[in-house]
Amino acid sequence: MSAADGLSTDRRGFVGALAAIGGGAVLHGHSHVEELLAARRITAANPASDEWLDRLKGKYKQLLDAPDPDGGTILRHAKNYLDTWREAYDVPDHDVSVIVTFYAKTTPLGVQDAMWAKYKLGEAINLTEPGSSTPLVRNYFAHPQPGDPVGDNTPECSMEALMRRGVLFALCNNAVKRWSIRLEKAGLGKASEIHDDLAAHTVPGVVLVPDALIAMTKAHDRGFAYARS
């Protein structure tokens, strides 16, 4: 990973960065109080468990905080991180553990194509099909097609390819709740049912965690460095 990628790995700023994001924040320009109260009424899809974190055994540990899709920049960063350990330091993928957090505007990246179409997620985060003004109705971050402007424009930069190399994508359940409430306001169904639908259709391999903030704290406690992307 090059300096040009703009990552900051200052561990002293870790706590401040966590405080700044808040758990489950999604879009700008709205009052969050009513949504936060409503979110607490939606039952979490999974009981809290650290099993996902327990299985990350790499000697070198990095958490990449990704609140904005930014054309899949986070995927390029994750790929570059693994590539550089392997190519410059002769460290194999199995000795490197990488966590990528999805919340806020990256929440849709954690769910399958059918959810993008059903709940107009591409439109919600202002993404269109390449070369057109048609809102995106598929998760091209998970499995991009030729010509999709994702990451470094190669299949090796997809979520699926990175998962095969051991990268773990953690989707914030609090963010899913908040998105469900907003989708209800858009007339796309009942929030609790939308939540259950989204939670049941995460991209295979993506882990739904109770809260991205707590996931970051737990990862920090286990020696993961932090970088905002």
Protein backbone atom coordinates (compact mmCIF):
# COMPACT_ATOMS: atom_id res chain seq x y z
CA MET A 1 0.00 0.00 0.00
CA SER A 2 1.47 3.30 -1.06
CA ALA A 3 1.44 6.62 0.78
CA ALA A 4 -0.59 8.02 -2.10
CA ASP A 5 -3.54 5.94 -1.00
CA GLY A 6 -3.96 8.39 1.88
CA LEU A 7 -4.25 5.94 4.74
CA SER A 8 -3.47 7.08 8.26
CA THR A 9 -2.32 4.41 10.65
CA ASP A 10 -1.71 6.60 13.68
CA ARG A 11 -2.69 4.39 16.59
CA ARG A 12 -2.92 7.42 18.89
CA GLY A 13 -5.84 8.65 16.81
CA PHE A 14 -7.73 5.36 17.02
CA VAL A 15 -10.04 6.25 19.90
CA GLY A 16 -10.78 9.66 18.45
CA ALA A 17 -11.67 8.15 15.11
CA LEU A 18 -14.05 5.71 16.77
CA ALA A 19 -15.77 8.47 18.70
CA ALA A 20 -16.19 10.52 15.55
CA ILE A 21 -18.05 7.92 13.50
CA GLY A 22 -20.66 6.85 16.05
CA GLY A 23 -22.38 3.49 15.74
CA GLY A 24 -24.56 3.01 12.68
CA ALA A 25 -24.53 6.54 11.20
CA VAL A 26 -25.74 6.48 7.61
CA LEU A 27 -26.58 9.56 5.61
CA HIS A 28 -26.16 13.29 6.19
CA GLY A 29 -28.79 15.97 6.63
CA HIS A 30 -31.31 14.11 8.85
CA SER A 31 -32.21 14.13 12.53
CA HIS A 32 -31.09 10.83 14.05
CA VAL A 33 -32.94 10.79 17.40
CA GLU A 34 -36.19 9.25 16.16
CA GLU A 35 -34.29 6.79 13.99
CA LEU A 36 -32.05 5.68 16.85
CA LEU A 37 -35.06 5.07 19.08
CA ALA A 38 -36.81 3.13 16.33
CA ALA A 39 -33.67 1.12 15.61
CA ARG A 40 -33.65 -0.20 19.16
CA ARG A 41 -37.06 -1.74 18.53
CA ILE A 42 -35.75 -3.88 15.67
CA THR A 43 -34.50 -7.23 16.91
CA ALA A 44 -30.88 -7.99 16.08
CA ALA A 45 -30.47 -10.77 13.54
CA ASN A 46 -27.72 -12.61 15.42
CA PRO A 47 -26.69 -12.90 19.06
CA ALA A 48 -23.46 -11.11 19.90
CA SER A 49 -20.44 -13.36 19.37
CA ASP A 50 -16.71 -12.86 18.92
CA GLU A 51 -16.29 -16.11 16.99
CA TRP A 52 -15.61 -14.17 13.79
CA LEU A 53 -12.78 -12.32 15.52
CA ASP A 54 -11.42 -15.42 17.24
CA ARG A 55 -10.61 -17.03 13.90
CA LEU A 56 -8.33 -14.22 12.72
CA LYS A 57 -4.91 -15.60 13.62
CA GLY A 58 -2.53 -13.57 11.43
CA LYS A 59 0.71 -12.23 12.89
CA TYR A 60 0.08 -8.86 11.20
CA LYS A 61 -3.34 -7.35 11.87
CA GLN A 62 -5.05 -4.41 10.19
CA LEU A 63 -8.56 -2.97 10.41
CA LEU A 64 -9.68 -0.77 7.52
CA ASP A 65 -12.50 1.62 8.40
CA ALA A 66 -14.67 2.25 5.33
CA PRO A 67 -17.73 4.53 5.74
CA ASP A 68 -17.85 5.64 2.07
CA PRO A 69 -17.78 3.49 -1.10
CA ASP A 70 -15.55 5.95 -3.00
CA GLY A 71 -15.46 3.73 -6.06
CA GLY A 72 -14.26 0.74 -4.07
CA THR A 73 -11.09 2.45 -2.83
CA ILE A 74 -11.24 0.30 0.30
CA LEU A 75 -10.96 -2.83 -1.85
CA ARG A 76 -7.85 -1.51 -3.56
CA HIS A 77 -6.34 -0.66 -0.18
CA ALA A 78 -7.02 -4.17 1.15
CA LYS A 79 -5.53 -5.78 -1.97
CA ASN A 80 -2.47 -3.51 -1.91
CA TYR A 81 -1.95 -4.27 1.77
CA LEU A 82 -1.87 -8.02 1.18
CA ASP A 83 0.16 -7.69 -2.02
CA THR A 84 2.83 -5.55 -0.36
CA TRP A 85 3.29 -7.90 2.58
CA ARG A 86 3.72 -10.77 0.11
CA GLU A 87 5.86 -9.07 -2.52
CA ALA A 88 8.03 -6.73 -0.42
CA TYR A 89 8.31 -8.73 2.82
CA ASP A 90 7.71 -12.33 1.71
CA VAL A 91 4.80 -12.65 4.16
CA PRO A 92 2.04 -15.01 2.92
CA ASP A 93 -1.64 -14.13 3.13
CA HIS A 94 -2.28 -16.56 5.97
CA ASP A 95 0.05 -14.53 8.21
CA VAL A 96 -1.96 -11.34 7.62
CA SER A 97 -5.42 -10.65 9.06
CA VAL A 98 -7.49 -7.83 7.57
CA ILE A 99 -10.91 -6.58 8.71
CA VAL A 100 -12.96 -4.15 6.61
CA THR A 101 -15.93 -2.49 8.34
CA PHE A 102 -19.11 -1.58 6.46
CA TYR A 103 -21.49 1.01 7.90
CA ALA A 104 -22.92 4.40 6.87
CA LYS A 105 -22.80 4.65 3.05
CA THR A 106 -20.95 1.34 2.68
CA THR A 107 -23.78 -0.62 4.32
CA PRO A 108 -25.19 -1.70 0.92
CA LEU A 109 -21.84 -3.28 0.03
CA GLY A 110 -22.60 -6.03 2.52
CA VAL A 111 -25.79 -7.29 0.87
CA GLN A 112 -26.59 -9.26 -2.28
CA ASP A 113 -27.68 -8.06 -5.72
CA ALA A 114 -31.35 -8.84 -5.09
CA MET A 115 -31.41 -6.38 -2.19
CA TRP A 116 -29.89 -3.65 -4.36
CA ALA A 117 -32.69 -4.11 -6.86
CA LYS A 118 -35.50 -4.51 -4.34
CA TYR A 119 -34.58 -1.53 -2.15
CA LYS A 120 -33.01 0.77 -4.76
CA LEU A 121 -29.70 0.87 -2.91
CA GLY A 122 -27.70 2.16 -5.86
CA GLU A 123 -30.00 5.14 -6.12
CA ALA A 124 -29.69 5.74 -2.38
CA ILE A 125 -25.91 6.13 -2.60
CA ASN A 126 -25.89 7.79 -6.03
CA LEU A 127 -24.33 4.96 -8.03
CA THR A 128 -25.29 4.28 -11.63
CA GLU A 129 -24.54 1.58 -14.17
CA PRO A 130 -21.24 2.29 -15.93
CA GLY A 131 -21.74 4.65 -18.87
CA SER A 132 -25.39 5.42 -18.08
CA SER A 133 -27.64 7.35 -15.72
CA THR A 134 -29.54 4.22 -14.67
CA PRO A 135 -29.30 3.58 -10.92
CA LEU A 136 -27.16 0.56 -10.05
CA VAL A 137 -29.25 -2.47 -9.06
CA ARG A 138 -26.43 -4.91 -8.34
CA ASN A 139 -23.55 -5.08 -5.90
CA TYR A 140 -20.61 -4.70 -8.24
CA PHE A 141 -18.25 -4.38 -5.29
CA ALA A 142 -18.82 -8.05 -4.45
CA HIS A 143 -18.49 -9.43 -7.98
CA PRO A 144 -17.68 -6.77 -10.59
CA GLN A 145 -18.16 -7.36 -14.29
CA PRO A 146 -15.66 -6.22 -16.95
CA GLY A 147 -15.82 -2.44 -17.21
CA ASP A 148 -17.15 -1.83 -13.71
CA PRO A 149 -15.24 1.06 -12.05
CA VAL A 150 -14.45 -0.80 -8.84
CA GLY A 151 -11.16 -0.82 -6.96
CA ASP A 152 -8.34 -1.23 -9.46
CA ASN A 153 -10.71 -2.53 -12.18
CA THR A 154 -9.61 -6.15 -11.86
CA PRO A 155 -11.49 -9.21 -10.56
CA GLU A 156 -8.71 -9.61 -7.97
CA CYS A 157 -9.99 -6.42 -6.31
CA SER A 158 -13.51 -7.73 -5.68
CA MET A 159 -14.88 -8.58 -2.25
CA GLU A 160 -15.13 -12.21 -3.29
CA ALA A 161 -11.47 -12.36 -4.36
CA LEU A 162 -10.32 -10.64 -1.17
CA MET A 163 -12.36 -13.03 0.99
CA ARG A 164 -10.54 -15.92 -0.66
CA ARG A 165 -7.32 -14.30 0.56
CA GLY A 166 -8.66 -14.11 4.12
CA VAL A 167 -10.08 -10.57 4.30
CA LEU A 168 -13.08 -10.39 6.64
CA PHE A 169 -15.86 -7.90 5.87
CA ALA A 170 -17.84 -6.86 8.96
CA LEU A 171 -21.28 -5.34 8.33
CA CYS A 172 -22.72 -3.16 11.11
CA ASN A 173 -26.16 -4.35 12.22
CA ASN A 174 -26.97 -0.96 13.74
CA ALA A 175 -26.37 0.58 10.33
CA VAL A 176 -28.64 -2.04 8.74
CA LYS A 177 -31.35 -1.04 11.23
CA ARG A 178 -30.97 2.62 10.37
CA TRP A 179 -31.06 1.91 6.65
CA SER A 180 -34.22 -0.17 7.19
CA ILE A 181 -35.94 2.74 8.87
CA ARG A 182 -35.06 5.10 6.03
CA LEU A 183 -36.17 2.59 3.43
CA GLU A 184 -39.48 2.32 5.28
CA LYS A 185 -39.82 6.10 5.04
CA ALA A 186 -39.24 5.78 1.30
CA GLY A 187 -42.28 3.50 1.10
CA LEU A 188 -40.36 0.28 0.53
CA GLY A 189 -41.87 -1.75 3.36
CA LYS A 190 -41.92 -2.12 7.13
CA ALA A 191 -38.59 -1.41 8.81
CA SER A 192 -38.46 -4.62 10.84
CA GLU A 193 -39.20 -6.72 7.77
CA ILE A 194 -36.69 -4.82 5.63
CA HIS A 195 -34.07 -5.37 8.30
CA ASP A 196 -34.72 -9.08 8.43
CA ASP A 197 -34.61 -9.25 4.64
CA LEU A 198 -31.27 -7.43 4.42
CA ALA A 199 -29.77 -9.44 7.28
CA ALA A 200 -30.83 -12.70 5.61
CA HIS A 201 -29.27 -11.68 2.31
CA THR A 202 -25.77 -10.56 3.21
CA VAL A 203 -23.05 -11.35 0.69
CA PRO A 204 -21.82 -14.88 1.50
CA GLY A 205 -18.87 -14.58 3.84
CA VAL A 206 -19.78 -11.14 5.18
CA VAL A 207 -20.19 -11.15 8.97
CA LEU A 208 -23.07 -9.18 10.49
CA VAL A 209 -21.73 -7.67 13.72
CA PRO A 210 -23.88 -5.84 16.30
CA ASP A 211 -22.05 -2.53 15.90
CA ALA A 212 -19.06 -1.35 13.85
CA LEU A 213 -17.78 0.81 16.71
CA ILE A 214 -17.67 -2.13 19.11
CA ALA A 215 -16.10 -4.32 16.43
CA MET A 216 -13.33 -1.75 16.07
CA THR A 217 -12.82 -1.61 19.83
CA LYS A 218 -12.63 -5.38 20.11
CA ALA A 219 -10.22 -5.57 17.17
CA HIS A 220 -8.03 -2.89 18.74
CA ASP A 221 -7.93 -4.86 21.98
CA ARG A 222 -6.61 -7.83 20.00
CA GLY A 223 -3.78 -5.89 18.40
CA PHE A 224 -5.30 -4.71 15.13
CA ALA A 225 -3.90 -1.48 13.76
CA TYR A 226 -6.43 1.06 12.48
CA ALA A 227 -6.64 2.93 9.17
CA ARG A 228 -9.45 5.11 7.85
CA SER A 229 -10.13 4.72 4.14
